[in-house]
Amino acid sequence: MGQPMQDMARIEGADSAKIAGWLAERLRAAGGGAITIPGGSTPFPILADLVARDDGAIDWAAWQVWPNDDRIVPEDHEASNTGKIRALLEPAGARIVALAEGADPPHFALTWLGMGPDGHIASLFPNTDPRPDDPQAIRRLTPDPLPPHAPFDRITLTIPALVESDAIVFTLGGAPDKRAVFEGALRGEHDLPIARLLRAAAARGIAVTVFT
């Protein structure tokens, strides 16, 4: 199916506080710019820990925050990633940028991603056939099948936009099924969206960290 991926930093057994600490160090070192962060259940406890830190490590006013993707719902809907991100980070001073077709995402200091058991990243599900050379940075699309917990059309950054980044970090939430899919992508055993993104990152020499 493909060549094995590059080695990367693996950190096992980290709780949300430890991951938040890692992120805080990364953002403090960068000083400011833009980051893109995931939705779903895993990141929001980490974000809450990150915002709750009182050591002054992060100047949130220096940061622009883009969601990786979102469900096509109003921001006040419980399924909105943008709404949840805004509620956590805007009071801290960050500028939250909602995804819109035709927008031009910046170069990111950090791309933070989750991954589904089917190998999807952002809203790039297997049925959407995401391309590393996609001419569009943002796409509106429909997962098939629609996830029962969030049966909505999506808007998402594409692979080229996600890898326009200094570094990539994955949080897999300790799920063995996700880890198996991720490791399979590293070994070149399949061509799921995660594998395509990792190949694109390797081609650019981007540093990758994964919290399993």
C-alpha atoms as a PDB file:
ATOM      1  CA  MET A   1       0.000   0.000   0.000  1.00  0.00           C
ATOM      2  CA  GLY A   2       2.922   2.340   0.539  1.00  0.00           C
ATOM      3  CA  GLN A   3       6.218   3.036   2.227  1.00  0.00           C
ATOM      4  CA  PRO A   4       6.484   3.228   6.028  1.00  0.00           C
ATOM      5  CA  MET A   5       6.288   6.713   7.510  1.00  0.00           C
ATOM      6  CA  GLN A   6       8.947   8.645   9.354  1.00  0.00           C
ATOM      7  CA  ASP A   7       9.658   8.093  13.017  1.00  0.00           C
ATOM      8  CA  MET A   8       7.879  10.480  15.342  1.00  0.00           C
ATOM      9  CA  ALA A   9       7.595  11.383  18.996  1.00  0.00           C
ATOM     10  CA  ARG A  10       5.163   9.081  20.826  1.00  0.00           C
ATOM     11  CA  ILE A  11       3.913   9.922  24.300  1.00  0.00           C
ATOM     12  CA  GLU A  12       1.832   7.266  26.023  1.00  0.00           C
ATOM     13  CA  GLY A  13      -0.559   7.507  28.937  1.00  0.00           C
ATOM     14  CA  ALA A  14      -0.708  11.320  29.122  1.00  0.00           C
ATOM     15  CA  ASP A  15      -3.779  12.819  30.775  1.00  0.00           C
ATOM     16  CA  SER A  16      -5.397  16.073  29.670  1.00  0.00           C
ATOM     17  CA  ALA A  17      -3.273  18.126  32.071  1.00  0.00           C
ATOM     18  CA  LYS A  18      -0.020  16.721  30.684  1.00  0.00           C
ATOM     19  CA  ILE A  19      -1.125  17.307  27.094  1.00  0.00           C
ATOM     20  CA  ALA A  20      -2.200  20.845  28.030  1.00  0.00           C
ATOM     21  CA  GLY A  21       1.266  21.417  29.484  1.00  0.00           C
ATOM     22  CA  TRP A  22       2.892  20.236  26.260  1.00  0.00           C
ATOM     23  CA  LEU A  23       0.665  22.540  24.229  1.00  0.00           C
ATOM     24  CA  ALA A  24       1.372  25.479  26.550  1.00  0.00           C
ATOM     25  CA  GLU A  25       5.115  25.029  26.091  1.00  0.00           C
ATOM     26  CA  ARG A  26       4.696  24.891  22.322  1.00  0.00           C
ATOM     27  CA  LEU A  27       2.537  28.011  22.166  1.00  0.00           C
ATOM     28  CA  ARG A  28       4.757  29.945  24.569  1.00  0.00           C
ATOM     29  CA  ALA A  29       7.826  29.126  22.465  1.00  0.00           C
ATOM     30  CA  ALA A  30       6.081  30.221  19.248  1.00  0.00           C
ATOM     31  CA  GLY A  31       4.850  33.455  20.809  1.00  0.00           C
ATOM     32  CA  GLY A  32       1.875  33.936  18.523  1.00  0.00           C
ATOM     33  CA  GLY A  33       0.409  33.210  15.110  1.00  0.00           C
ATOM     34  CA  ALA A  34      -2.265  30.713  14.117  1.00  0.00           C
ATOM     35  CA  ILE A  35      -3.174  27.217  15.220  1.00  0.00           C
ATOM     36  CA  THR A  36      -5.859  24.790  14.116  1.00  0.00           C
ATOM     37  CA  ILE A  37      -7.546  22.507  16.621  1.00  0.00           C
ATOM     38  CA  PRO A  38      -9.986  19.579  16.476  1.00  0.00           C
ATOM     39  CA  GLY A  39     -13.518  19.134  17.701  1.00  0.00           C
ATOM     40  CA  GLY A  40     -15.069  16.001  19.142  1.00  0.00           C
ATOM     41  CA  SER A  41     -14.955  14.744  22.708  1.00  0.00           C
ATOM     42  CA  THR A  42     -11.179  14.406  23.262  1.00  0.00           C
ATOM     43  CA  PRO A  43      -9.865  17.972  22.875  1.00  0.00           C
ATOM     44  CA  PHE A  44     -12.253  20.024  24.986  1.00  0.00           C
ATOM     45  CA  PRO A  45     -11.094  18.771  28.417  1.00  0.00           C
ATOM     46  CA  ILE A  46      -7.537  19.466  27.235  1.00  0.00           C
ATOM     47  CA  LEU A  47      -8.516  22.956  26.086  1.00  0.00           C
ATOM     48  CA  ALA A  48     -10.203  23.597  29.428  1.00  0.00           C
ATOM     49  CA  ASP A  49      -6.988  22.618  31.231  1.00  0.00           C
ATOM     50  CA  LEU A  50      -4.976  24.791  28.860  1.00  0.00           C
ATOM     51  CA  VAL A  51      -7.108  27.878  29.468  1.00  0.00           C
ATOM     52  CA  ALA A  52      -7.228  27.244  33.229  1.00  0.00           C
ATOM     53  CA  ARG A  53      -3.427  27.449  33.549  1.00  0.00           C
ATOM     54  CA  ASP A  54      -2.604  30.567  35.553  1.00  0.00           C
ATOM     55  CA  ASP A  55       1.138  30.767  34.884  1.00  0.00           C
ATOM     56  CA  GLY A  56       0.826  33.393  32.169  1.00  0.00           C
ATOM     57  CA  ALA A  57       2.500  31.098  29.656  1.00  0.00           C
ATOM     58  CA  ILE A  58       0.180  31.918  26.757  1.00  0.00           C
ATOM     59  CA  ASP A  59      -0.666  35.360  25.411  1.00  0.00           C
ATOM     60  CA  TRP A  60      -3.940  34.340  23.827  1.00  0.00           C
ATOM     61  CA  ALA A  61      -4.379  37.772  22.242  1.00  0.00           C
ATOM     62  CA  ALA A  62      -1.439  36.867  19.967  1.00  0.00           C
ATOM     63  CA  TRP A  63      -3.207  33.770  18.634  1.00  0.00           C
ATOM     64  CA  GLN A  64      -5.685  33.133  15.855  1.00  0.00           C
ATOM     65  CA  VAL A  65      -7.515  29.814  16.280  1.00  0.00           C
ATOM     66  CA  TRP A  66      -9.090  27.890  13.409  1.00  0.00           C
ATOM     67  CA  PRO A  67     -11.140  24.708  13.870  1.00  0.00           C
ATOM     68  CA  ASN A  68      -9.975  21.763  11.738  1.00  0.00           C
ATOM     69  CA  ASP A  69     -13.584  21.297  10.709  1.00  0.00           C
ATOM     70  CA  ASP A  70     -17.145  21.885  11.779  1.00  0.00           C
ATOM     71  CA  ARG A  71     -20.655  20.601  11.394  1.00  0.00           C
ATOM     72  CA  ILE A  72     -22.939  22.832   9.284  1.00  0.00           C
ATOM     73  CA  VAL A  73     -24.997  24.073  12.213  1.00  0.00           C
ATOM     74  CA  PRO A  74     -25.342  27.454  13.972  1.00  0.00           C
ATOM     75  CA  GLU A  75     -22.578  28.232  16.453  1.00  0.00           C
ATOM     76  CA  ASP A  76     -25.031  28.029  19.356  1.00  0.00           C
ATOM     77  CA  HIS A  77     -25.913  24.434  18.407  1.00  0.00           C
ATOM     78  CA  GLU A  78     -24.496  21.789  20.729  1.00  0.00           C
ATOM     79  CA  ALA A  79     -22.765  20.106  17.755  1.00  0.00           C
ATOM     80  CA  SER A  80     -20.813  23.202  16.725  1.00  0.00           C
ATOM     81  CA  ASN A  81     -17.050  22.865  17.176  1.00  0.00           C
ATOM     82  CA  THR A  82     -16.566  26.566  16.516  1.00  0.00           C
ATOM     83  CA  GLY A  83     -19.074  27.533  19.175  1.00  0.00           C
ATOM     84  CA  LYS A  84     -17.372  25.371  21.799  1.00  0.00           C
ATOM     85  CA  ILE A  85     -13.918  26.633  20.856  1.00  0.00           C
ATOM     86  CA  ARG A  86     -15.143  30.231  20.954  1.00  0.00           C
ATOM     87  CA  ALA A  87     -16.733  29.762  24.373  1.00  0.00           C
ATOM     88  CA  LEU A  88     -13.427  28.492  25.807  1.00  0.00           C
ATOM     89  CA  LEU A  89     -10.807  30.609  24.067  1.00  0.00           C
ATOM     90  CA  GLU A  90     -12.421  33.909  23.091  1.00  0.00           C
ATOM     91  CA  PRO A  91     -12.795  35.062  26.734  1.00  0.00           C
ATOM     92  CA  ALA A  92      -9.052  34.389  27.123  1.00  0.00           C
ATOM     93  CA  GLY A  93      -8.358  36.794  24.250  1.00  0.00           C
ATOM     94  CA  ALA A  94      -7.884  34.490  21.246  1.00  0.00           C
ATOM     95  CA  ARG A  95      -9.375  35.345  17.873  1.00  0.00           C
ATOM     96  CA  ILE A  96     -11.569  32.469  16.659  1.00  0.00           C
ATOM     97  CA  VAL A  97     -11.970  32.089  12.895  1.00  0.00           C
ATOM     98  CA  ALA A  98     -14.993  30.139  11.663  1.00  0.00           C
ATOM     99  CA  LEU A  99     -14.400  28.108   8.503  1.00  0.00           C
ATOM    100  CA  ALA A 100     -15.928  29.472   5.313  1.00  0.00           C
ATOM    101  CA  GLU A 101     -15.704  28.244   1.739  1.00  0.00           C
ATOM    102  CA  GLY A 102     -13.225  30.343  -0.211  1.00  0.00           C
ATOM    103  CA  ALA A 103     -11.336  31.532   2.883  1.00  0.00           C
ATOM    104  CA  ASP A 104      -7.536  31.448   2.825  1.00  0.00           C
ATOM    105  CA  PRO A 105      -6.133  29.669   5.892  1.00  0.00           C
ATOM    106  CA  PRO A 106      -2.758  30.879   7.174  1.00  0.00           C
ATOM    107  CA  HIS A 107       0.418  28.950   7.818  1.00  0.00           C
ATOM    108  CA  PHE A 108      -0.118  27.315  11.203  1.00  0.00           C
ATOM    109  CA  ALA A 109       2.383  27.217  14.025  1.00  0.00           C
ATOM    110  CA  LEU A 110       0.677  23.984  15.076  1.00  0.00           C
ATOM    111  CA  THR A 111      -1.910  21.657  13.592  1.00  0.00           C
ATOM    112  CA  TRP A 112      -3.622  19.671  16.358  1.00  0.00           C
ATOM    113  CA  LEU A 113      -5.632  16.705  15.088  1.00  0.00           C
ATOM    114  CA  GLY A 114      -7.737  13.866  16.377  1.00  0.00           C
ATOM    115  CA  MET A 115      -8.585  10.770  14.383  1.00  0.00           C
ATOM    116  CA  GLY A 116     -11.601   8.496  14.073  1.00  0.00           C
ATOM    117  CA  PRO A 117     -11.509   4.683  14.179  1.00  0.00           C
ATOM    118  CA  ASP A 118     -12.180   4.731  10.419  1.00  0.00           C
ATOM    119  CA  GLY A 119      -9.012   6.748   9.839  1.00  0.00           C
ATOM    120  CA  HIS A 120     -10.696  10.106   9.211  1.00  0.00           C
ATOM    121  CA  ILE A 121      -9.030  13.338  10.236  1.00  0.00           C
ATOM    122  CA  ALA A 122     -10.867  16.671  10.469  1.00  0.00           C
ATOM    123  CA  SER A 123     -13.969  15.891   8.352  1.00  0.00           C
ATOM    124  CA  LEU A 124     -11.925  14.099   5.709  1.00  0.00           C
ATOM    125  CA  PHE A 125     -13.736  10.758   5.881  1.00  0.00           C
ATOM    126  CA  PRO A 126     -12.724   7.804   3.691  1.00  0.00           C
ATOM    127  CA  ASN A 127     -15.671   8.329   1.336  1.00  0.00           C
ATOM    128  CA  THR A 128     -14.550  11.892   0.558  1.00  0.00           C
ATOM    129  CA  ASP A 129     -11.297  10.689  -1.070  1.00  0.00           C
ATOM    130  CA  PRO A 130      -9.161  13.540   0.303  1.00  0.00           C
ATOM    131  CA  ARG A 131      -6.251  14.468  -1.934  1.00  0.00           C
ATOM    132  CA  PRO A 132      -2.840  15.725  -0.790  1.00  0.00           C
ATOM    133  CA  ASP A 133      -2.861  17.987  -3.873  1.00  0.00           C
ATOM    134  CA  ASP A 134      -6.388  19.320  -3.366  1.00  0.00           C
ATOM    135  CA  PRO A 135      -6.531  22.781  -5.003  1.00  0.00           C
ATOM    136  CA  GLN A 136      -8.978  23.947  -2.334  1.00  0.00           C
ATOM    137  CA  ALA A 137      -7.940  24.709   1.237  1.00  0.00           C
ATOM    138  CA  ILE A 138     -11.485  24.378   2.603  1.00  0.00           C
ATOM    139  CA  ARG A 139     -14.273  22.112   1.417  1.00  0.00           C
ATOM    140  CA  ARG A 140     -17.896  21.523   2.269  1.00  0.00           C
ATOM    141  CA  LEU A 141     -18.764  17.817   2.093  1.00  0.00           C
ATOM    142  CA  THR A 142     -20.996  15.047   3.384  1.00  0.00           C
ATOM    143  CA  PRO A 143     -19.645  12.013   5.266  1.00  0.00           C
ATOM    144  CA  ASP A 144     -21.091   8.685   4.159  1.00  0.00           C
ATOM    145  CA  PRO A 145     -22.262   7.123   6.333  1.00  0.00           C
ATOM    146  CA  LEU A 146     -23.214  10.102   8.464  1.00  0.00           C
ATOM    147  CA  PRO A 147     -22.020   9.552  12.043  1.00  0.00           C
ATOM    148  CA  PRO A 148     -25.180   8.906  14.108  1.00  0.00           C
ATOM    149  CA  HIS A 149     -24.015  11.196  16.918  1.00  0.00           C
ATOM    150  CA  ALA A 150     -23.507  14.105  14.476  1.00  0.00           C
ATOM    151  CA  PRO A 151     -25.542  13.566  11.284  1.00  0.00           C
ATOM    152  CA  PHE A 152     -24.636  16.840   9.601  1.00  0.00           C
ATOM    153  CA  ASP A 153     -22.880  18.079   6.489  1.00  0.00           C
ATOM    154  CA  ARG A 154     -19.365  19.345   7.246  1.00  0.00           C
ATOM    155  CA  ILE A 155     -16.918  22.068   6.377  1.00  0.00           C
ATOM    156  CA  THR A 156     -13.274  21.145   6.717  1.00  0.00           C
ATOM    157  CA  LEU A 157      -9.693  22.097   6.084  1.00  0.00           C
ATOM    158  CA  THR A 158      -8.173  19.873   3.400  1.00  0.00           C
ATOM    159  CA  ILE A 159      -4.876  17.987   3.602  1.00  0.00           C
ATOM    160  CA  PRO A 160      -2.828  20.802   1.973  1.00  0.00           C
ATOM    161  CA  ALA A 161      -4.176  23.302   4.514  1.00  0.00           C
ATOM    162  CA  LEU A 162      -3.594  20.983   7.473  1.00  0.00           C
ATOM    163  CA  VAL A 163       0.044  20.342   6.548  1.00  0.00           C
ATOM    164  CA  GLU A 164       0.761  24.025   5.997  1.00  0.00           C
ATOM    165  CA  SER A 165       2.194  23.929   9.494  1.00  0.00           C
ATOM    166  CA  ASP A 166       5.400  23.958  11.532  1.00  0.00           C
ATOM    167  CA  ALA A 167       4.331  20.894  13.537  1.00  0.00           C
ATOM    168  CA  ILE A 168       1.481  18.397  13.888  1.00  0.00           C
ATOM    169  CA  VAL A 169       0.213  16.779  17.085  1.00  0.00           C
ATOM    170  CA  PHE A 170      -2.343  13.977  17.377  1.00  0.00           C
ATOM    171  CA  THR A 171      -4.401  13.137  20.460  1.00  0.00           C
ATOM    172  CA  LEU A 172      -5.898   9.664  20.104  1.00  0.00           C
ATOM    173  CA  GLY A 173      -7.615   9.519  23.485  1.00  0.00           C
ATOM    174  CA  GLY A 174      -6.159   6.158  24.525  1.00  0.00           C
ATOM    175  CA  ALA A 175      -8.389   4.150  22.156  1.00  0.00           C
ATOM    176  CA  PRO A 176      -6.750   0.852  21.058  1.00  0.00           C
ATOM    177  CA  ASP A 177      -8.712   0.740  17.788  1.00  0.00           C
ATOM    178  CA  LYS A 178      -7.499   4.214  16.857  1.00  0.00           C
ATOM    179  CA  ARG A 179      -3.934   3.337  17.742  1.00  0.00           C
ATOM    180  CA  ALA A 180      -4.059   0.263  15.488  1.00  0.00           C
ATOM    181  CA  VAL A 181      -5.269   2.344  12.535  1.00  0.00           C
ATOM    182  CA  PHE A 182      -2.648   5.021  13.218  1.00  0.00           C
ATOM    183  CA  GLU A 183       0.187   2.483  13.453  1.00  0.00           C
ATOM    184  CA  GLY A 184      -1.047   0.851  10.250  1.00  0.00           C
ATOM    185  CA  ALA A 185      -0.794   4.223   8.524  1.00  0.00           C
ATOM    186  CA  LEU A 186       2.767   4.639   9.784  1.00  0.00           C
ATOM    187  CA  ARG A 187       3.670   1.219   8.386  1.00  0.00           C
ATOM    188  CA  GLY A 188       2.113   2.017   5.018  1.00  0.00           C
ATOM    189  CA  GLU A 189      -0.508  -0.726   5.349  1.00  0.00           C
ATOM    190  CA  HIS A 190      -3.510   1.266   4.118  1.00  0.00           C
ATOM    191  CA  ASP A 191      -4.497   4.424   2.276  1.00  0.00           C
ATOM    192  CA  LEU A 192      -7.015   5.916   4.698  1.00  0.00           C
ATOM    193  CA  PRO A 193      -7.087   9.718   5.147  1.00  0.00           C
ATOM    194  CA  ILE A 194      -4.715   9.520   8.123  1.00  0.00           C
ATOM    195  CA  ALA A 195      -2.140   7.723   5.954  1.00  0.00           C
ATOM    196  CA  ARG A 196      -2.443  10.323   3.206  1.00  0.00           C
ATOM    197  CA  LEU A 197      -1.943  13.162   5.666  1.00  0.00           C
ATOM    198  CA  LEU A 198       1.070  11.492   7.305  1.00  0.00           C
ATOM    199  CA  ARG A 199       2.683  10.965   3.896  1.00  0.00           C
ATOM    200  CA  ALA A 200       2.113  14.631   3.062  1.00  0.00           C
ATOM    201  CA  ALA A 201       3.627  15.656   6.406  1.00  0.00           C
ATOM    202  CA  ALA A 202       6.642  13.390   5.860  1.00  0.00           C
ATOM    203  CA  ALA A 203       7.216  14.854   2.408  1.00  0.00           C
ATOM    204  CA  ARG A 204       7.432  18.298   4.013  1.00  0.00           C
ATOM    205  CA  GLY A 205       9.633  17.149   6.893  1.00  0.00           C
ATOM    206  CA  ILE A 206       7.068  18.269   9.474  1.00  0.00           C
ATOM    207  CA  ALA A 207       7.658  17.237  13.077  1.00  0.00           C
ATOM    208  CA  VAL A 208       4.862  14.968  14.325  1.00  0.00           C
ATOM    209  CA  THR A 209       3.975  14.104  17.923  1.00  0.00           C
ATOM    210  CA  VAL A 210       1.274  11.607  18.889  1.00  0.00           C
ATOM    211  CA  PHE A 211      -0.327  11.210  22.319  1.00  0.00           C
ATOM    212  CA  THR A 212      -1.762   7.690  22.467  1.00  0.00           C
END
